[in-house]
Amino acid sequence: MKYIMCAKTYPAYHPKAGQPTGFRESILSGRKVHTLRQSAGNRKTGDTVSLREWEGRPYASKQVEFARCRITVEVLRINGVPAWDPGVVNLAHCDGFDDPQDFANWFRAQPAGLVYFDGACIYFEDVEANVKGERS
């Protein structure tokens, strides 16, 4: 089965490095409706995917599935839009960020807080929580 890894904590380069992202909870509550990736990889619209987190340290621990869902994949390009633009603010909120600046920092906003992104927007549909917490 195809899968998508979801970060439990902010990455080292982010001002909130090591703090919880809350992405899992946001996905399960329906607030985080998509994820942005540099590419869709081998995923395509209509696929069912396993949503996972690392049990401990990334790449050095087991993966734990917390949900499955169908996905829709769209190409997304953002070319130098201010982080506080209403469209970027909405995109940030739907991607699970409470603060558009956290979103901009995640994608390493350029000087003057401009956001650039060229990749895939993967929408989560019909999310079903995995109460077993299967490991792989």
N, C-alpha and C. Protein backbone atom coordinates (compact mmCIF):
# COMPACT_ATOMS: atom_id res chain seq x y z
N MET A 1 0.84 -1.19 0.00
CA MET A 1 0.00 0.00 0.00
C MET A 1 0.88 1.25 0.00
N LYS A 2 0.46 2.25 -0.73
CA LYS A 2 1.17 3.52 -0.76
C LYS A 2 0.93 4.24 0.57
N TYR A 3 1.87 5.09 0.97
CA TYR A 3 1.72 5.77 2.25
C TYR A 3 2.21 7.21 2.17
N ILE A 4 1.83 7.97 3.18
CA ILE A 4 2.29 9.35 3.35
C ILE A 4 2.75 9.48 4.80
N MET A 5 3.99 9.91 4.99
CA MET A 5 4.52 10.14 6.33
C MET A 5 4.14 11.56 6.76
N CYS A 6 3.68 11.69 7.98
CA CYS A 6 3.29 12.98 8.54
C CYS A 6 4.23 13.32 9.69
N ALA A 7 4.77 14.51 9.68
CA ALA A 7 5.72 14.94 10.70
C ALA A 7 5.04 15.10 12.05
N LYS A 8 5.67 14.55 13.09
CA LYS A 8 5.17 14.73 14.46
C LYS A 8 5.69 16.04 15.07
N THR A 9 6.89 16.44 14.62
CA THR A 9 7.50 17.66 15.17
C THR A 9 8.02 18.54 14.03
N TYR A 10 8.22 19.80 14.37
CA TYR A 10 8.78 20.74 13.40
C TYR A 10 10.23 20.37 13.11
N PRO A 11 10.69 20.56 11.85
CA PRO A 11 12.06 20.20 11.48
C PRO A 11 13.10 21.13 12.12
N ALA A 12 14.35 20.70 12.09
CA ALA A 12 15.45 21.40 12.75
C ALA A 12 15.62 22.84 12.26
N TYR A 13 15.33 23.12 11.00
CA TYR A 13 15.54 24.47 10.46
C TYR A 13 14.42 25.45 10.83
N HIS A 14 13.33 24.96 11.40
CA HIS A 14 12.16 25.78 11.71
C HIS A 14 12.33 26.43 13.08
N PRO A 15 11.85 27.67 13.27
CA PRO A 15 11.94 28.31 14.59
C PRO A 15 11.29 27.50 15.71
N LYS A 16 10.32 26.64 15.38
CA LYS A 16 9.66 25.80 16.39
C LYS A 16 10.24 24.38 16.40
N ALA A 17 11.50 24.23 16.00
CA ALA A 17 12.14 22.92 15.89
C ALA A 17 11.88 22.06 17.12
N GLY A 18 11.45 20.82 16.87
CA GLY A 18 11.23 19.85 17.94
C GLY A 18 9.86 19.92 18.59
N GLN A 19 9.12 21.00 18.40
CA GLN A 19 7.79 21.11 18.99
C GLN A 19 6.79 20.30 18.17
N PRO A 20 5.73 19.80 18.80
CA PRO A 20 4.73 19.00 18.07
C PRO A 20 4.01 19.82 16.99
N THR A 21 3.77 19.18 15.84
CA THR A 21 3.03 19.84 14.76
C THR A 21 1.53 19.73 14.95
N GLY A 22 1.09 18.65 15.56
CA GLY A 22 -0.35 18.41 15.70
C GLY A 22 -1.00 17.95 14.41
N PHE A 23 -0.20 17.57 13.41
CA PHE A 23 -0.76 17.18 12.11
C PHE A 23 -1.70 15.98 12.23
N ARG A 24 -1.30 14.96 13.00
CA ARG A 24 -2.14 13.78 13.15
C ARG A 24 -3.53 14.17 13.65
N GLU A 25 -3.57 14.94 14.71
CA GLU A 25 -4.84 15.37 15.29
C GLU A 25 -5.63 16.23 14.31
N SER A 26 -4.93 17.09 13.58
CA SER A 26 -5.59 17.95 12.60
C SER A 26 -6.20 17.15 11.45
N ILE A 27 -5.51 16.09 11.02
CA ILE A 27 -6.05 15.24 9.96
C ILE A 27 -7.28 14.50 10.47
N LEU A 28 -7.17 13.91 11.65
CA LEU A 28 -8.28 13.12 12.19
C LEU A 28 -9.51 13.97 12.50
N SER A 29 -9.29 15.24 12.84
CA SER A 29 -10.42 16.14 13.12
C SER A 29 -11.02 16.73 11.85
N GLY A 30 -10.32 16.57 10.72
CA GLY A 30 -10.81 17.12 9.46
C GLY A 30 -10.33 18.52 9.17
N ARG A 31 -9.52 19.09 10.04
CA ARG A 31 -9.01 20.45 9.81
C ARG A 31 -7.90 20.48 8.77
N LYS A 32 -6.95 19.55 8.87
CA LYS A 32 -5.87 19.46 7.87
C LYS A 32 -6.41 18.60 6.74
N VAL A 33 -6.71 19.24 5.62
CA VAL A 33 -7.37 18.54 4.52
C VAL A 33 -6.42 18.16 3.39
N HIS A 34 -5.16 18.60 3.49
CA HIS A 34 -4.19 18.25 2.46
C HIS A 34 -2.77 18.33 2.99
N THR A 35 -1.85 17.85 2.17
CA THR A 35 -0.43 17.98 2.44
C THR A 35 0.25 18.46 1.17
N LEU A 36 1.29 19.24 1.32
CA LEU A 36 2.05 19.72 0.17
C LEU A 36 3.36 18.95 0.09
N ARG A 37 3.70 18.48 -1.09
CA ARG A 37 4.91 17.70 -1.30
C ARG A 37 5.61 18.19 -2.56
N GLN A 38 6.92 18.02 -2.62
CA GLN A 38 7.67 18.41 -3.81
C GLN A 38 7.21 17.63 -5.03
N SER A 39 6.74 16.41 -4.81
CA SER A 39 6.15 15.64 -5.90
C SER A 39 5.12 14.69 -5.31
N ALA A 40 4.25 14.18 -6.16
CA ALA A 40 3.25 13.21 -5.71
C ALA A 40 3.85 11.82 -5.60
N GLY A 41 5.10 11.67 -6.05
CA GLY A 41 5.74 10.36 -6.04
C GLY A 41 4.95 9.42 -6.94
N ASN A 42 4.69 8.24 -6.47
CA ASN A 42 3.92 7.29 -7.25
C ASN A 42 2.43 7.33 -6.91
N ARG A 43 2.00 8.36 -6.19
CA ARG A 43 0.60 8.49 -5.79
C ARG A 43 -0.19 9.21 -6.87
N LYS A 44 -1.46 8.77 -7.03
CA LYS A 44 -2.32 9.44 -8.01
C LYS A 44 -3.74 9.54 -7.47
N THR A 45 -4.51 10.43 -8.07
CA THR A 45 -5.90 10.61 -7.66
C THR A 45 -6.63 9.28 -7.66
N GLY A 46 -7.38 9.04 -6.57
CA GLY A 46 -8.15 7.81 -6.42
C GLY A 46 -7.46 6.74 -5.61
N ASP A 47 -6.13 6.88 -5.40
CA ASP A 47 -5.41 5.90 -4.58
C ASP A 47 -5.90 5.95 -3.14
N THR A 48 -5.83 4.81 -2.47
CA THR A 48 -6.00 4.75 -1.02
C THR A 48 -4.60 4.68 -0.43
N VAL A 49 -4.34 5.53 0.55
CA VAL A 49 -3.01 5.58 1.17
C VAL A 49 -3.11 5.37 2.68
N SER A 50 -2.00 4.95 3.23
CA SER A 50 -1.84 4.80 4.67
C SER A 50 -1.17 6.07 5.17
N LEU A 51 -1.76 6.72 6.17
CA LEU A 51 -1.17 7.91 6.79
C LEU A 51 -0.39 7.44 8.01
N ARG A 52 0.89 7.82 8.08
CA ARG A 52 1.77 7.29 9.12
C ARG A 52 2.61 8.36 9.78
N GLU A 53 3.09 8.01 10.98
CA GLU A 53 4.09 8.79 11.71
C GLU A 53 5.20 7.83 12.13
N TRP A 54 6.36 8.40 12.43
CA TRP A 54 7.43 7.59 13.02
C TRP A 54 7.09 7.39 14.49
N GLU A 55 7.35 6.20 15.00
CA GLU A 55 7.09 5.91 16.41
C GLU A 55 8.03 6.73 17.31
N GLY A 56 9.25 6.89 16.88
CA GLY A 56 10.25 7.65 17.62
C GLY A 56 11.01 8.54 16.66
N ARG A 57 12.33 8.38 16.65
CA ARG A 57 13.17 9.19 15.78
C ARG A 57 12.94 8.83 14.31
N PRO A 58 12.74 9.83 13.44
CA PRO A 58 12.53 9.56 12.01
C PRO A 58 13.65 8.72 11.41
N TYR A 59 13.25 7.77 10.59
CA TYR A 59 14.15 6.86 9.88
C TYR A 59 14.90 5.89 10.79
N ALA A 60 14.70 5.98 12.09
CA ALA A 60 15.39 5.09 13.03
C ALA A 60 14.40 4.38 13.95
N SER A 61 13.13 4.43 13.59
CA SER A 61 12.10 3.78 14.39
C SER A 61 11.01 3.24 13.48
N LYS A 62 10.09 2.51 14.05
CA LYS A 62 8.99 1.92 13.29
C LYS A 62 8.02 3.01 12.85
N GLN A 63 7.33 2.73 11.74
CA GLN A 63 6.25 3.60 11.27
C GLN A 63 4.94 3.10 11.89
N VAL A 64 4.08 4.04 12.30
CA VAL A 64 2.79 3.68 12.87
C VAL A 64 1.69 4.30 12.01
N GLU A 65 0.82 3.46 11.50
CA GLU A 65 -0.31 3.94 10.71
C GLU A 65 -1.37 4.48 11.67
N PHE A 66 -1.87 5.70 11.39
CA PHE A 66 -2.93 6.23 12.23
C PHE A 66 -4.24 6.43 11.46
N ALA A 67 -4.19 6.32 10.13
CA ALA A 67 -5.41 6.45 9.33
C ALA A 67 -5.15 5.98 7.90
N ARG A 68 -6.25 5.78 7.18
CA ARG A 68 -6.20 5.52 5.74
C ARG A 68 -7.20 6.45 5.10
N CYS A 69 -6.91 6.80 3.84
CA CYS A 69 -7.84 7.67 3.12
C CYS A 69 -7.61 7.56 1.62
N ARG A 70 -8.59 8.03 0.87
CA ARG A 70 -8.42 8.21 -0.57
C ARG A 70 -7.79 9.59 -0.77
N ILE A 71 -7.13 9.77 -1.91
CA ILE A 71 -6.49 11.05 -2.17
C ILE A 71 -6.86 11.60 -3.54
N THR A 72 -6.75 12.90 -3.65
CA THR A 72 -6.81 13.61 -4.92
C THR A 72 -5.52 14.40 -5.02
N VAL A 73 -4.87 14.33 -6.17
CA VAL A 73 -3.58 15.00 -6.37
C VAL A 73 -3.75 16.12 -7.38
N GLU A 74 -3.25 17.31 -7.03
CA GLU A 74 -3.25 18.46 -7.94
C GLU A 74 -1.87 19.11 -7.94
N VAL A 75 -1.50 19.67 -9.08
CA VAL A 75 -0.26 20.45 -9.18
C VAL A 75 -0.51 21.81 -8.53
N LEU A 76 0.47 22.29 -7.77
CA LEU A 76 0.34 23.59 -7.12
C LEU A 76 1.62 24.38 -7.31
N ARG A 77 1.48 25.62 -7.76
CA ARG A 77 2.62 26.52 -7.92
C ARG A 77 2.30 27.85 -7.22
N ILE A 78 3.20 28.24 -6.34
CA ILE A 78 3.10 29.54 -5.67
C ILE A 78 4.38 30.26 -6.01
N ASN A 79 4.28 31.43 -6.60
CA ASN A 79 5.46 32.13 -7.09
C ASN A 79 5.61 33.50 -6.43
N GLY A 80 6.18 33.51 -5.24
CA GLY A 80 6.49 34.77 -4.57
C GLY A 80 5.28 35.50 -4.03
N VAL A 81 4.39 34.77 -3.37
CA VAL A 81 3.20 35.38 -2.77
C VAL A 81 3.50 35.66 -1.30
N PRO A 82 3.13 36.84 -0.79
CA PRO A 82 3.38 37.14 0.62
C PRO A 82 2.70 36.13 1.55
N ALA A 83 3.38 35.79 2.63
CA ALA A 83 2.86 34.81 3.59
C ALA A 83 1.51 35.22 4.16
N TRP A 84 1.21 36.52 4.19
CA TRP A 84 -0.04 36.99 4.79
C TRP A 84 -1.13 37.22 3.75
N ASP A 85 -0.89 36.85 2.49
CA ASP A 85 -1.92 36.91 1.46
C ASP A 85 -3.08 35.99 1.89
N PRO A 86 -4.33 36.44 1.73
CA PRO A 86 -5.47 35.60 2.17
C PRO A 86 -5.46 34.19 1.59
N GLY A 87 -5.03 34.03 0.35
CA GLY A 87 -4.96 32.70 -0.24
C GLY A 87 -3.93 31.82 0.43
N VAL A 88 -2.78 32.40 0.78
CA VAL A 88 -1.73 31.65 1.47
C VAL A 88 -2.17 31.35 2.91
N VAL A 89 -2.83 32.29 3.56
CA VAL A 89 -3.33 32.07 4.92
C VAL A 89 -4.32 30.89 4.92
N ASN A 90 -5.22 30.84 3.95
CA ASN A 90 -6.17 29.73 3.86
C ASN A 90 -5.45 28.42 3.57
N LEU A 91 -4.49 28.45 2.65
CA LEU A 91 -3.71 27.26 2.33
C LEU A 91 -2.99 26.75 3.58
N ALA A 92 -2.39 27.66 4.33
CA ALA A 92 -1.69 27.29 5.56
C ALA A 92 -2.64 26.64 6.56
N HIS A 93 -3.80 27.23 6.74
CA HIS A 93 -4.79 26.68 7.68
C HIS A 93 -5.22 25.28 7.26
N CYS A 94 -5.50 25.09 5.98
CA CYS A 94 -5.93 23.79 5.46
C CYS A 94 -4.80 22.76 5.46
N ASP A 95 -3.55 23.23 5.61
CA ASP A 95 -2.40 22.34 5.68
C ASP A 95 -2.04 22.04 7.14
N GLY A 96 -2.85 22.53 8.08
CA GLY A 96 -2.67 22.20 9.49
C GLY A 96 -1.87 23.19 10.31
N PHE A 97 -1.58 24.36 9.77
CA PHE A 97 -0.81 25.35 10.51
C PHE A 97 -1.74 26.39 11.12
N ASP A 98 -1.52 26.71 12.41
CA ASP A 98 -2.30 27.75 13.07
C ASP A 98 -1.85 29.14 12.65
N ASP A 99 -0.58 29.26 12.31
CA ASP A 99 0.03 30.55 12.00
C ASP A 99 0.63 30.50 10.59
N PRO A 100 0.22 31.42 9.70
CA PRO A 100 0.78 31.42 8.35
C PRO A 100 2.31 31.56 8.33
N GLN A 101 2.88 32.19 9.36
CA GLN A 101 4.33 32.31 9.41
C GLN A 101 4.98 30.94 9.64
N ASP A 102 4.34 30.08 10.43
CA ASP A 102 4.85 28.71 10.60
C ASP A 102 4.87 27.98 9.26
N PHE A 103 3.81 28.17 8.48
CA PHE A 103 3.72 27.58 7.14
C PHE A 103 4.85 28.11 6.27
N ALA A 104 5.02 29.44 6.27
CA ALA A 104 6.07 30.06 5.45
C ALA A 104 7.45 29.56 5.87
N ASN A 105 7.68 29.42 7.18
CA ASN A 105 8.97 28.92 7.67
C ASN A 105 9.17 27.46 7.29
N TRP A 106 8.09 26.66 7.29
CA TRP A 106 8.19 25.25 6.91
C TRP A 106 8.71 25.14 5.48
N PHE A 107 8.18 26.04 4.61
CA PHE A 107 8.60 26.02 3.21
C PHE A 107 9.70 27.03 2.93
N ARG A 108 10.35 27.46 4.00
CA ARG A 108 11.52 28.34 3.91
C ARG A 108 11.26 29.57 3.04
N ALA A 109 10.33 30.38 3.52
CA ALA A 109 9.96 31.60 2.80
C ALA A 109 11.19 32.44 2.50
N GLN A 110 11.15 33.06 1.37
CA GLN A 110 12.26 33.90 0.92
C GLN A 110 12.23 35.23 1.65
N PRO A 111 13.24 36.08 1.42
CA PRO A 111 13.24 37.40 2.05
C PRO A 111 11.91 38.12 1.82
N ALA A 112 11.56 38.93 2.74
CA ALA A 112 10.31 39.70 2.73
C ALA A 112 9.11 38.80 2.91
N GLY A 113 9.31 37.56 3.41
CA GLY A 113 8.20 36.67 3.72
C GLY A 113 7.45 36.16 2.50
N LEU A 114 8.13 36.06 1.36
CA LEU A 114 7.47 35.57 0.15
C LEU A 114 7.53 34.05 0.10
N VAL A 115 6.41 33.44 -0.27
CA VAL A 115 6.32 31.99 -0.34
C VAL A 115 6.44 31.53 -1.79
N TYR A 116 7.31 30.54 -2.00
CA TYR A 116 7.47 29.90 -3.31
C TYR A 116 7.26 28.41 -3.11
N PHE A 117 6.47 27.81 -3.97
CA PHE A 117 6.26 26.36 -3.90
C PHE A 117 5.91 25.86 -5.29
N ASP A 118 6.50 24.75 -5.67
CA ASP A 118 6.20 24.11 -6.95
C ASP A 118 6.17 22.62 -6.68
N GLY A 119 4.99 22.04 -6.64
CA GLY A 119 4.89 20.63 -6.32
C GLY A 119 3.47 20.12 -6.39
N ALA A 120 3.15 19.23 -5.46
CA ALA A 120 1.84 18.58 -5.45
C ALA A 120 1.08 18.91 -4.19
N CYS A 121 -0.20 19.13 -4.34
CA CYS A 121 -1.12 19.26 -3.22
C CYS A 121 -1.93 17.96 -3.20
N ILE A 122 -1.80 17.21 -2.12
CA ILE A 122 -2.48 15.93 -1.99
C ILE A 122 -3.60 16.08 -0.97
N TYR A 123 -4.84 15.99 -1.45
CA TYR A 123 -6.02 16.15 -0.60
C TYR A 123 -6.41 14.82 0.04
N PHE A 124 -6.76 14.86 1.32
CA PHE A 124 -7.22 13.69 2.05
C PHE A 124 -8.75 13.62 1.96
N GLU A 125 -9.27 12.47 1.58
CA GLU A 125 -10.73 12.29 1.47
C GLU A 125 -11.12 11.00 2.19
N ASP A 126 -12.27 11.01 2.83
CA ASP A 126 -12.81 9.83 3.51
C ASP A 126 -11.78 9.22 4.47
N VAL A 127 -11.26 10.05 5.36
CA VAL A 127 -10.25 9.61 6.31
C VAL A 127 -10.88 8.65 7.33
N GLU A 128 -10.25 7.50 7.49
CA GLU A 128 -10.69 6.52 8.49
C GLU A 128 -9.55 6.27 9.45
N ALA A 129 -9.79 6.59 10.73
CA ALA A 129 -8.75 6.40 11.74
C ALA A 129 -8.45 4.93 11.93
N ASN A 130 -7.20 4.63 12.20
CA ASN A 130 -6.75 3.28 12.52
C ASN A 130 -6.59 3.19 14.02
N VAL A 131 -7.56 2.62 14.70
CA VAL A 131 -7.49 2.55 16.16
C VAL A 131 -6.52 1.48 16.63
N LYS A 132 -6.11 0.58 15.75
CA LYS A 132 -5.15 -0.47 16.12
C LYS A 132 -3.73 0.07 16.23
N GLY A 133 -3.41 1.15 15.50
CA GLY A 133 -2.05 1.70 15.50
C GLY A 133 -1.05 0.71 14.97
N GLU A 134 -1.36 0.11 13.83
CA GLU A 134 -0.49 -0.91 13.24
C GLU A 134 0.89 -0.35 12.97
N ARG A 135 1.91 -1.18 13.22
CA ARG A 135 3.30 -0.80 12.99
C ARG A 135 3.84 -1.52 11.78
N SER A 136 4.79 -0.87 11.12
CA SER A 136 5.46 -1.54 10.00
C SER A 136 6.92 -1.17 9.95
